[in-house]
Amino acid sequence: MTETIARQAVFAPLQVEGAVERIVRRIGEAVGSGVLAEGERLPPEAELAAMLEVAPMTLRQALAVLRDAGVLETRRGRGGGSFVASASVVTPAAGRVPAAAELRELTDWRRAVSGEAAALAAERATGEALERIAGSASAADAAVDSFAGYRLADSRFHLAIAEAAGSSRLVTAETAIQAELGEILAVVPGPETALRASSEGHAPLLAAVAAGDPAAARAAVERHVEATHDWVVGLRLGRLR
């Protein structure tokens, strides 16, 4: 499988300071955003420590935290190692209903990051990148009857656009956004009707990127992001009733 920018970023070298926390955050974000798939095996510990340029003990501490949190699971014997835990293994957090100001701030940040990524993707996307974006959009359409399935497919759609922009920093920022958004949506999950409405917002964005129209791509992202904000706020208020 061809390595994407998002996957390469997961295993890129880390700064030594705060390495345990940085590993936990990076792998946790990668799992939450769908860059690392359910059941996927991480590289062997010695290899992974070398990739991240950290001591094996540092890596083991971070993996232990991720296992205790239910993000990873360890399998013994031949073919064993550290794997991304299945969704059924993860204990759902009781969660906290996000405040309106938090949702607004995240939405503004999404407009800036995802909007710029879409505009650049419209200018730079290759045929292969467009196929990846279109495939992700189709996967999201097919997953609207499952909140968990749709959340991952939607995340991968936005990551595919960021990758098409050709900026590793935008990919990193989009990965963090999708992980944070996933946490919020897990507390305030959308019904199938909301998921269908969200999925319909992918088509104009895909069309604008394919047409090479940066302004239309940015506008499509802003409409899509604001629509998500509106229904999340509505569900949040409904939960507070």
Protein backbone atom coordinates (compact mmCIF):
# COMPACT_ATOMS: atom_id res chain seq x y z
CA MET A 1 0.00 0.00 0.00
CA THR A 2 1.34 3.42 -0.99
CA GLU A 3 2.20 5.52 2.03
CA THR A 4 0.15 8.71 2.30
CA ILE A 5 1.44 11.92 3.85
CA ALA A 6 -0.88 11.41 6.82
CA ARG A 7 0.49 7.92 7.51
CA GLN A 8 4.08 9.10 7.12
CA ALA A 9 3.42 11.84 9.66
CA VAL A 10 2.30 9.29 12.27
CA PHE A 11 5.72 7.64 12.29
CA ALA A 12 7.94 10.68 11.64
CA PRO A 13 10.73 11.42 14.17
CA LEU A 14 9.70 13.17 17.39
CA GLN A 15 11.36 15.80 19.52
CA VAL A 16 12.85 14.24 22.64
CA GLU A 17 11.12 16.58 25.09
CA GLY A 18 7.74 15.21 26.10
CA ALA A 19 8.18 12.21 23.80
CA VAL A 20 5.78 9.91 25.69
CA GLU A 21 2.97 12.45 25.52
CA ARG A 22 3.74 13.23 21.88
CA ILE A 23 3.55 9.55 20.91
CA VAL A 24 0.27 9.12 22.77
CA ARG A 25 -1.21 12.18 21.08
CA ARG A 26 0.06 11.32 17.60
CA ILE A 27 -1.14 7.71 17.60
CA GLY A 28 -4.37 8.62 19.36
CA GLU A 29 -5.12 11.31 16.77
CA ALA A 30 -4.23 8.92 13.95
CA VAL A 31 -6.66 6.30 15.29
CA GLY A 32 -9.38 8.87 15.99
CA SER A 33 -9.10 10.36 12.49
CA GLY A 34 -8.97 7.00 10.70
CA VAL A 35 -5.37 7.27 9.48
CA LEU A 36 -4.69 4.05 11.41
CA ALA A 37 -7.51 1.58 10.85
CA GLU A 38 -9.24 -0.72 13.32
CA GLY A 39 -7.25 -3.95 13.67
CA GLU A 40 -4.15 -2.48 12.02
CA ARG A 41 -0.81 -3.67 13.38
CA LEU A 42 1.79 -1.09 14.36
CA PRO A 43 5.40 -1.67 13.34
CA PRO A 44 7.42 -3.83 15.81
CA GLU A 45 8.57 -1.89 18.85
CA ALA A 46 12.25 -1.78 17.92
CA GLU A 47 11.43 -0.60 14.41
CA LEU A 48 8.87 1.93 15.62
CA ALA A 49 11.26 3.35 18.22
CA ALA A 50 13.88 3.80 15.49
CA MET A 51 11.33 5.50 13.19
CA LEU A 52 10.31 7.93 15.92
CA GLU A 53 13.92 8.32 17.11
CA VAL A 54 13.03 7.62 20.74
CA ALA A 55 14.33 5.13 23.30
CA PRO A 56 12.54 1.75 23.41
CA MET A 57 11.54 2.42 27.03
CA THR A 58 9.93 5.71 26.04
CA LEU A 59 7.93 3.97 23.33
CA ARG A 60 6.84 1.19 25.69
CA GLN A 61 5.55 3.77 28.19
CA ALA A 62 3.48 5.46 25.50
CA LEU A 63 2.10 2.16 24.18
CA ALA A 64 1.13 1.18 27.73
CA VAL A 65 -0.87 4.39 28.10
CA LEU A 66 -2.64 3.74 24.80
CA ARG A 67 -3.42 0.15 25.81
CA ASP A 68 -4.85 1.24 29.17
CA ALA A 69 -7.02 3.76 27.34
CA GLY A 70 -8.36 1.04 25.06
CA VAL A 71 -6.85 2.61 21.92
CA LEU A 72 -4.44 -0.28 21.34
CA GLU A 73 -4.45 -3.94 22.25
CA THR A 74 -1.54 -6.39 22.51
CA ARG A 75 -1.61 -9.84 20.93
CA ARG A 76 0.88 -12.51 21.92
CA GLY A 77 2.56 -15.25 19.94
CA ARG A 78 3.52 -15.45 16.28
CA GLY A 79 2.07 -12.49 14.43
CA GLY A 80 1.56 -10.66 17.69
CA GLY A 81 2.31 -7.08 18.56
CA SER A 82 0.42 -3.84 19.11
CA PHE A 83 -2.83 -3.45 17.17
CA VAL A 84 -5.45 -0.73 16.91
CA ALA A 85 -8.28 -1.94 19.14
CA SER A 86 -11.66 -2.72 17.66
CA ALA A 87 -14.41 -0.21 18.32
CA SER A 88 -16.19 -2.69 20.59
CA VAL A 89 -13.13 -2.89 22.85
CA VAL A 90 -12.99 0.84 23.48
CA THR A 91 -14.97 1.88 26.52
CA PRO A 92 -17.13 4.87 25.56
CA ALA A 93 -16.39 7.94 27.63
CA ALA A 94 -19.29 9.55 29.39
CA GLY A 95 -18.10 12.71 27.73
CA ARG A 96 -18.94 16.34 28.26
CA VAL A 97 -21.36 18.21 26.08
CA PRO A 98 -19.17 20.84 24.36
CA ALA A 99 -19.85 24.49 25.01
CA ALA A 100 -21.09 26.66 22.16
CA ALA A 101 -17.89 28.73 22.25
CA GLU A 102 -15.76 25.60 21.81
CA LEU A 103 -17.78 24.51 18.81
CA ARG A 104 -17.50 27.98 17.27
CA GLU A 105 -13.74 28.08 17.77
CA LEU A 106 -13.26 24.63 16.24
CA THR A 107 -15.46 25.58 13.29
CA ASP A 108 -13.44 28.75 12.68
CA TRP A 109 -10.23 26.72 12.74
CA ARG A 110 -11.75 24.17 10.34
CA ARG A 111 -12.69 26.97 7.94
CA ALA A 112 -9.10 28.21 7.95
CA VAL A 113 -7.33 24.85 7.65
CA SER A 114 -9.79 22.82 5.59
CA GLY A 115 -10.64 25.80 3.39
CA GLU A 116 -7.00 26.42 2.50
CA ALA A 117 -6.43 22.71 1.94
CA ALA A 118 -9.36 22.54 -0.47
CA ALA A 119 -8.21 25.64 -2.37
CA LEU A 120 -4.71 24.22 -2.78
CA ALA A 121 -6.09 20.79 -3.70
CA ALA A 122 -8.06 22.44 -6.51
CA GLU A 123 -4.77 23.82 -7.84
CA ARG A 124 -2.54 20.80 -7.22
CA ALA A 125 -4.56 17.57 -7.12
CA THR A 126 -3.29 14.79 -9.39
CA GLY A 127 -5.55 12.26 -11.08
CA GLU A 128 -4.64 9.71 -8.40
CA ALA A 129 -5.49 12.17 -5.63
CA LEU A 130 -8.85 12.95 -7.21
CA GLU A 131 -9.65 9.24 -7.38
CA ARG A 132 -8.79 8.91 -3.69
CA ILE A 133 -11.05 11.84 -2.78
CA ALA A 134 -13.91 10.47 -4.89
CA GLY A 135 -13.50 7.01 -3.35
CA SER A 136 -13.62 8.49 0.14
CA ALA A 137 -16.79 10.42 -0.73
CA SER A 138 -18.43 7.23 -2.02
CA ALA A 139 -17.41 5.37 1.15
CA ALA A 140 -19.03 8.09 3.26
CA ASP A 141 -22.25 7.87 1.23
CA ALA A 142 -22.34 4.13 1.80
CA ALA A 143 -21.82 4.44 5.57
CA VAL A 144 -24.59 6.86 6.55
CA ASP A 145 -26.51 4.11 8.37
CA SER A 146 -23.65 3.73 10.88
CA PHE A 147 -22.38 6.64 12.95
CA ALA A 148 -18.98 5.05 13.62
CA GLY A 149 -18.54 3.98 10.01
CA TYR A 150 -19.54 7.36 8.66
CA ARG A 151 -17.30 9.25 11.08
CA LEU A 152 -14.22 7.39 9.84
CA ALA A 153 -15.20 7.69 6.18
CA ASP A 154 -15.89 11.41 6.54
CA SER A 155 -12.57 11.93 8.30
CA ARG A 156 -10.73 10.11 5.52
CA PHE A 157 -12.49 12.26 2.91
CA HIS A 158 -11.19 15.46 4.48
CA LEU A 159 -7.73 13.98 4.97
CA ALA A 160 -7.64 12.96 1.30
CA ILE A 161 -8.31 16.58 0.34
CA ALA A 162 -5.55 17.81 2.67
CA GLU A 163 -3.15 15.28 1.15
CA ALA A 164 -4.07 16.46 -2.35
CA ALA A 165 -2.97 19.96 -1.29
CA GLY A 166 0.58 18.62 -0.98
CA SER A 167 1.28 20.23 2.40
CA SER A 168 2.36 18.00 5.28
CA ARG A 169 1.55 20.77 7.78
CA LEU A 170 -2.01 21.03 6.50
CA VAL A 171 -2.36 17.25 6.76
CA THR A 172 -1.13 17.34 10.35
CA ALA A 173 -3.55 20.15 11.22
CA GLU A 174 -6.47 18.37 9.51
CA THR A 175 -5.66 15.14 11.36
CA ALA A 176 -5.83 16.96 14.70
CA ILE A 177 -9.10 18.66 13.70
CA GLN A 178 -10.71 15.36 12.72
CA ALA A 179 -9.62 13.73 15.98
CA GLU A 180 -11.08 16.61 18.04
CA LEU A 181 -14.25 16.63 15.98
CA GLY A 182 -14.58 12.88 16.49
CA GLU A 183 -14.50 13.36 20.26
CA ILE A 184 -17.25 15.98 20.09
CA LEU A 185 -19.44 13.95 17.75
CA ALA A 186 -19.07 10.86 19.93
CA VAL A 187 -20.74 12.82 22.72
CA VAL A 188 -23.33 14.36 20.42
CA PRO A 189 -23.78 11.70 17.69
CA GLY A 190 -25.86 12.58 14.66
CA PRO A 191 -28.86 10.57 13.48
CA GLU A 192 -28.88 9.09 9.97
CA THR A 193 -30.67 12.15 8.58
CA ALA A 194 -27.87 14.41 9.79
CA LEU A 195 -25.25 12.06 8.37
CA ARG A 196 -26.97 12.06 5.00
CA ALA A 197 -27.08 15.86 4.99
CA SER A 198 -23.39 15.97 5.87
CA SER A 199 -22.53 13.48 3.13
CA GLU A 200 -24.41 15.56 0.55
CA GLY A 201 -21.99 18.40 1.31
CA HIS A 202 -19.12 16.37 -0.12
CA ALA A 203 -20.34 16.48 -3.74
CA PRO A 204 -19.91 20.23 -4.38
CA LEU A 205 -16.51 20.15 -2.72
CA LEU A 206 -15.38 17.21 -4.84
CA ALA A 207 -16.71 18.90 -7.97
CA ALA A 208 -14.89 22.16 -7.21
CA VAL A 209 -11.58 20.41 -6.59
CA ALA A 210 -11.98 18.30 -9.74
CA ALA A 211 -12.78 21.45 -11.76
CA GLY A 212 -9.64 23.17 -10.47
CA ASP A 213 -11.62 26.05 -8.92
CA PRO A 214 -9.94 27.15 -5.66
CA ALA A 215 -12.56 29.79 -4.76
CA ALA A 216 -15.44 27.35 -5.25
CA ALA A 217 -13.59 24.67 -3.27
CA ARG A 218 -13.02 27.00 -0.34
CA ALA A 219 -16.66 28.15 -0.43
CA ALA A 220 -17.87 24.53 -0.50
CA VAL A 221 -15.77 23.71 2.56
CA GLU A 222 -17.11 26.71 4.44
CA ARG A 223 -20.71 25.74 3.70
CA HIS A 224 -20.03 22.12 4.69
CA VAL A 225 -18.25 23.09 7.92
CA GLU A 226 -20.95 25.60 8.91
CA ALA A 227 -23.66 23.00 8.25
CA THR A 228 -21.91 20.56 10.56
CA HIS A 229 -21.62 23.28 13.19
CA ASP A 230 -25.33 24.03 12.94
CA TRP A 231 -26.56 20.48 13.45
CA VAL A 232 -24.03 19.75 16.19
CA VAL A 233 -25.19 22.88 18.04
CA GLY A 234 -28.77 21.78 17.57
CA LEU A 235 -28.10 18.31 18.96
CA ARG A 236 -26.10 19.81 21.81
CA LEU A 237 -28.99 22.05 22.78
CA GLY A 238 -31.37 19.13 22.49
CA ARG A 239 -29.24 17.16 24.89
CA LEU A 240 -29.26 20.00 27.42
CA ARG A 241 -33.06 20.23 27.48
